[in-house]
């Protein structure tokens, strides 16, 4: 993903200006630089006027609110429960999709093992179609290393990947790959961290540089599994 700074232009700059509530010109000009620097200062970021992953993540957290999940079997989409490496990568994918007018949202992020078990039962011991082949702790969701992107069209969630929408899903997967996230061919909404395995994760080999919000949530799930 390109870094935005003085002289940058295009849809991503326009999207940045909308999120910062400043005049939308599509050009990273002096007022945009000033707004970015103020946002960075207010959010304890390096105040350099350059918009990269950390600044985009803070913008996301300031403007996109997670759903109010009610329990461990419910769907959670709070990106603070993702590992920082995945969190930043996911936000980069999200903002690029939004800038291109492709209406994906983060449908699910961290998933408690109780929800994984419930989803695994669907199409097996519960009515419905099979939606996952992963048992609890065999999915990257339980480690905060995966998300599901789903289309939100006119206020309704859509998994439609036919016709013209096929290109949208392909673009989401392409952007994910560019940010170190791989798709699962049998779960089209799913992106997960590349370069590890569920076996390694089950043996306690986690990505480095986890932070407190990720670790505390992960530990709470692990200790009661």
Protein backbone atom coordinates (compact mmCIF):
# COMPACT_ATOMS: atom_id res chain seq x y z
CA UNK A 1 0.00 0.00 0.00
CA UNK A 2 1.35 3.40 -0.92
CA UNK A 3 2.28 5.91 1.76
CA UNK A 4 0.33 9.15 1.48
CA UNK A 5 2.11 12.48 1.92
CA UNK A 6 2.41 15.94 0.39
CA UNK A 7 2.04 15.58 -3.37
CA UNK A 8 0.04 12.33 -3.31
CA UNK A 9 -3.24 12.26 -5.18
CA UNK A 10 -6.09 9.94 -6.09
CA UNK A 11 -9.00 8.08 -4.56
CA UNK A 12 -7.11 7.09 -1.43
CA UNK A 13 -6.38 10.75 -0.66
CA UNK A 14 -10.03 11.62 -1.24
CA UNK A 15 -11.04 8.87 1.19
CA UNK A 16 -8.52 10.15 3.76
CA UNK A 17 -9.95 13.66 3.48
CA UNK A 18 -13.48 12.37 4.00
CA UNK A 19 -12.44 10.47 7.11
CA UNK A 20 -10.70 13.57 8.49
CA UNK A 21 -13.73 15.74 7.69
CA UNK A 22 -11.80 18.21 5.55
CA UNK A 23 -12.39 19.51 2.05
CA UNK A 24 -12.16 16.70 -0.46
CA UNK A 25 -9.79 17.65 -3.27
CA UNK A 26 -8.11 14.33 -4.08
CA UNK A 27 -4.72 16.01 -3.59
CA UNK A 28 -2.58 15.80 -0.46
CA UNK A 29 -2.16 19.55 -0.01
CA UNK A 30 -1.19 21.84 2.86
CA UNK A 31 -4.53 21.66 4.70
CA UNK A 32 -4.46 17.86 4.43
CA UNK A 33 -0.95 17.77 5.81
CA UNK A 34 -2.02 19.97 8.73
CA UNK A 35 -5.06 17.78 9.45
CA UNK A 36 -2.97 14.61 9.33
CA UNK A 37 -0.35 16.05 11.67
CA UNK A 38 -3.01 17.17 14.13
CA UNK A 39 -4.63 13.71 14.05
CA UNK A 40 -1.25 12.05 14.59
CA UNK A 41 -0.42 14.31 17.52
CA UNK A 42 -3.85 13.80 19.10
CA UNK A 43 -3.46 10.02 18.81
CA UNK A 44 0.11 9.70 20.11
CA UNK A 45 1.55 8.80 16.71
CA UNK A 46 4.76 10.00 15.12
CA UNK A 47 3.85 13.44 13.78
CA UNK A 48 5.42 13.29 10.33
CA UNK A 49 2.49 13.98 8.01
CA UNK A 50 2.91 10.58 6.36
CA UNK A 51 -0.12 8.28 6.33
CA UNK A 52 0.79 4.60 6.56
CA UNK A 53 -0.55 1.58 8.38
CA UNK A 54 -0.41 2.94 11.92
CA UNK A 55 -2.17 6.17 11.04
CA UNK A 56 -4.81 4.35 8.99
CA UNK A 57 -5.42 2.00 11.92
CA UNK A 58 -6.00 4.91 14.30
CA UNK A 59 -8.34 6.51 11.75
CA UNK A 60 -10.26 3.25 11.49
CA UNK A 61 -10.56 2.96 15.27
CA UNK A 62 -11.76 6.57 15.50
CA UNK A 63 -14.41 6.26 12.80
CA UNK A 64 -15.53 2.59 12.61
CA UNK A 65 -17.19 1.17 15.70
CA UNK A 66 -17.30 -2.59 16.39
CA UNK A 67 -20.65 -4.29 16.78
CA UNK A 68 -21.89 -4.87 20.31
CA UNK A 69 -21.30 -8.61 20.56
CA UNK A 70 -23.23 -10.20 23.41
CA UNK A 71 -21.17 -13.26 24.25
CA UNK A 72 -18.68 -15.88 23.23
CA UNK A 73 -20.97 -17.58 20.73
CA UNK A 74 -21.75 -14.26 19.04
CA UNK A 75 -19.92 -12.65 16.12
CA UNK A 76 -17.12 -10.24 17.08
CA UNK A 77 -15.47 -7.77 14.70
CA UNK A 78 -13.36 -5.62 17.03
CA UNK A 79 -9.98 -5.23 15.32
CA UNK A 80 -8.29 -4.58 18.67
CA UNK A 81 -8.63 -8.32 19.30
CA UNK A 82 -6.50 -9.05 16.22
CA UNK A 83 -2.76 -9.48 16.43
CA UNK A 84 -1.15 -6.10 15.55
CA UNK A 85 0.42 -7.49 12.36
CA UNK A 86 -2.96 -8.67 11.11
CA UNK A 87 -4.78 -5.60 12.46
CA UNK A 88 -2.72 -3.20 10.36
CA UNK A 89 -2.87 -5.44 7.28
CA UNK A 90 -6.65 -5.76 7.55
CA UNK A 91 -7.12 -2.01 7.89
CA UNK A 92 -4.95 -1.43 4.83
CA UNK A 93 -7.14 -3.79 2.83
CA UNK A 94 -10.29 -2.14 4.17
CA UNK A 95 -9.32 1.44 3.35
CA UNK A 96 -8.19 0.54 -0.16
CA UNK A 97 -11.49 -1.23 -0.83
CA UNK A 98 -13.42 1.75 0.51
CA UNK A 99 -11.38 4.19 -1.57
CA UNK A 100 -12.19 2.13 -4.66
CA UNK A 101 -15.91 2.12 -3.83
CA UNK A 102 -16.05 -1.63 -3.15
CA UNK A 103 -18.47 -2.10 -0.24
CA UNK A 104 -16.74 -4.71 1.90
CA UNK A 105 -16.84 -4.46 5.68
CA UNK A 106 -15.13 -6.48 8.38
CA UNK A 107 -17.83 -8.99 9.23
CA UNK A 108 -15.87 -11.05 11.76
CA UNK A 109 -12.43 -10.88 13.34
CA UNK A 110 -11.48 -12.80 16.51
CA UNK A 111 -13.74 -15.80 17.06
CA UNK A 112 -14.15 -17.51 20.40
CA UNK A 113 -13.81 -21.33 20.37
CA UNK A 114 -17.45 -21.67 21.45
CA UNK A 115 -18.57 -19.89 18.28
CA UNK A 116 -16.16 -21.96 16.19
CA UNK A 117 -17.73 -25.14 17.60
CA UNK A 118 -21.21 -23.82 16.89
CA UNK A 119 -20.30 -22.94 13.29
CA UNK A 120 -18.62 -26.33 12.80
CA UNK A 121 -21.83 -28.05 13.91
CA UNK A 122 -23.80 -26.31 11.16
CA UNK A 123 -24.49 -28.77 8.36
CA UNK A 124 -23.37 -31.63 10.59
CA UNK A 125 -25.35 -31.83 13.84
CA UNK A 126 -27.29 -28.59 13.25
CA UNK A 127 -29.46 -27.52 10.30
CA UNK A 128 -27.92 -25.48 7.51
CA UNK A 129 -25.04 -25.64 5.07
CA UNK A 130 -21.46 -26.38 6.08
CA UNK A 131 -19.67 -23.06 6.59
CA UNK A 132 -16.33 -24.18 8.04
CA UNK A 133 -14.07 -27.22 8.07
CA UNK A 134 -12.10 -26.10 11.13
CA UNK A 135 -12.69 -27.33 14.65
CA UNK A 136 -12.05 -24.97 17.59
CA UNK A 137 -8.39 -23.94 17.76
CA UNK A 138 -7.84 -25.21 14.22
CA UNK A 139 -9.02 -21.87 12.83
CA UNK A 140 -6.79 -18.79 12.69
CA UNK A 141 -9.77 -16.82 14.04
CA UNK A 142 -9.11 -18.20 17.54
CA UNK A 143 -5.63 -16.68 17.46
CA UNK A 144 -6.69 -13.26 16.21
CA UNK A 145 -4.97 -13.93 12.89
CA UNK A 146 -7.93 -13.96 10.49
CA UNK A 147 -10.91 -11.91 9.38
CA UNK A 148 -13.94 -12.36 7.17
CA UNK A 149 -14.74 -9.58 4.73
CA UNK A 150 -18.35 -9.52 3.54
CA UNK A 151 -20.16 -7.12 1.22
CA UNK A 152 -22.57 -4.67 2.84
CA UNK A 153 -24.97 -3.52 0.13
CA UNK A 154 -27.86 -1.19 0.98
CA UNK A 155 -27.57 -2.16 4.63
CA UNK A 156 -27.68 -5.91 3.98
CA UNK A 157 -24.84 -8.43 4.22
CA UNK A 158 -24.18 -10.22 0.94
CA UNK A 159 -22.02 -13.23 0.12
CA UNK A 160 -22.96 -12.97 -3.56
CA UNK A 161 -19.86 -13.59 -5.66
CA UNK A 162 -21.57 -13.96 -9.02
CA UNK A 163 -21.64 -11.70 -12.04
CA UNK A 164 -20.00 -8.30 -11.68
CA UNK A 165 -19.43 -8.88 -7.96
CA UNK A 166 -16.86 -11.60 -8.73
CA UNK A 167 -14.35 -8.87 -9.55
CA UNK A 168 -14.93 -7.30 -6.13
CA UNK A 169 -14.06 -10.53 -4.34
CA UNK A 170 -10.99 -10.99 -6.54
CA UNK A 171 -9.84 -7.49 -5.71
CA UNK A 172 -10.29 -8.11 -1.98
CA UNK A 173 -8.16 -11.25 -2.23
CA UNK A 174 -5.54 -9.43 -4.28
CA UNK A 175 -5.24 -6.60 -1.77
CA UNK A 176 -5.05 -9.13 1.05
CA UNK A 177 -2.19 -10.97 -0.65
CA UNK A 178 -0.36 -7.66 -1.08
CA UNK A 179 -0.55 -7.14 2.69
CA UNK A 180 0.57 -10.64 3.69
CA UNK A 181 -2.88 -12.20 4.06
CA UNK A 182 -3.88 -15.37 2.26
CA UNK A 183 -7.33 -16.55 1.26
CA UNK A 184 -8.95 -19.93 1.79
CA UNK A 185 -10.42 -21.24 -1.44
CA UNK A 186 -13.34 -22.94 0.33
CA UNK A 187 -14.19 -19.85 2.45
CA UNK A 188 -14.31 -16.90 0.07
CA UNK A 189 -14.73 -14.15 2.74
CA UNK A 190 -11.75 -15.38 4.76
CA UNK A 191 -8.28 -13.83 4.90
CA UNK A 192 -5.62 -15.09 7.30
CA UNK A 193 -1.99 -14.40 8.08
CA UNK A 194 0.39 -16.07 5.64
CA UNK A 195 3.56 -17.82 6.77
CA UNK A 196 2.32 -19.92 9.69
CA UNK A 197 0.08 -22.96 10.19
CA UNK A 198 -2.68 -24.09 12.51
CA UNK A 199 -0.34 -26.80 13.79
CA UNK A 200 2.30 -24.23 14.76
CA UNK A 201 -0.32 -22.10 16.46
CA UNK A 202 -1.70 -25.03 18.44
CA UNK A 203 1.86 -25.69 19.63
CA UNK A 204 2.18 -22.12 20.91
CA UNK A 205 4.24 -20.62 18.09
CA UNK A 206 2.67 -17.20 17.63
CA UNK A 207 3.73 -14.19 15.55
CA UNK A 208 6.06 -11.78 17.40
CA UNK A 209 5.22 -8.35 18.77
CA UNK A 210 1.74 -9.04 20.06
CA UNK A 211 0.22 -6.25 22.16
CA UNK A 212 -1.88 -6.23 25.31
CA UNK A 213 -5.30 -5.88 23.65
CA UNK A 214 -4.60 -8.92 21.47
CA UNK A 215 -2.94 -11.01 24.17
CA UNK A 216 -5.44 -10.37 26.97
CA UNK A 217 -8.37 -11.34 24.74
CA UNK A 218 -6.58 -14.40 23.39
CA UNK A 219 -5.59 -15.49 26.90
CA UNK A 220 -9.15 -15.15 28.18
CA UNK A 221 -10.32 -17.50 25.42
CA UNK A 222 -7.43 -19.90 25.93
CA UNK A 223 -7.82 -20.17 29.69
CA UNK A 224 -11.49 -21.08 29.52
CA UNK A 225 -11.41 -23.34 26.47
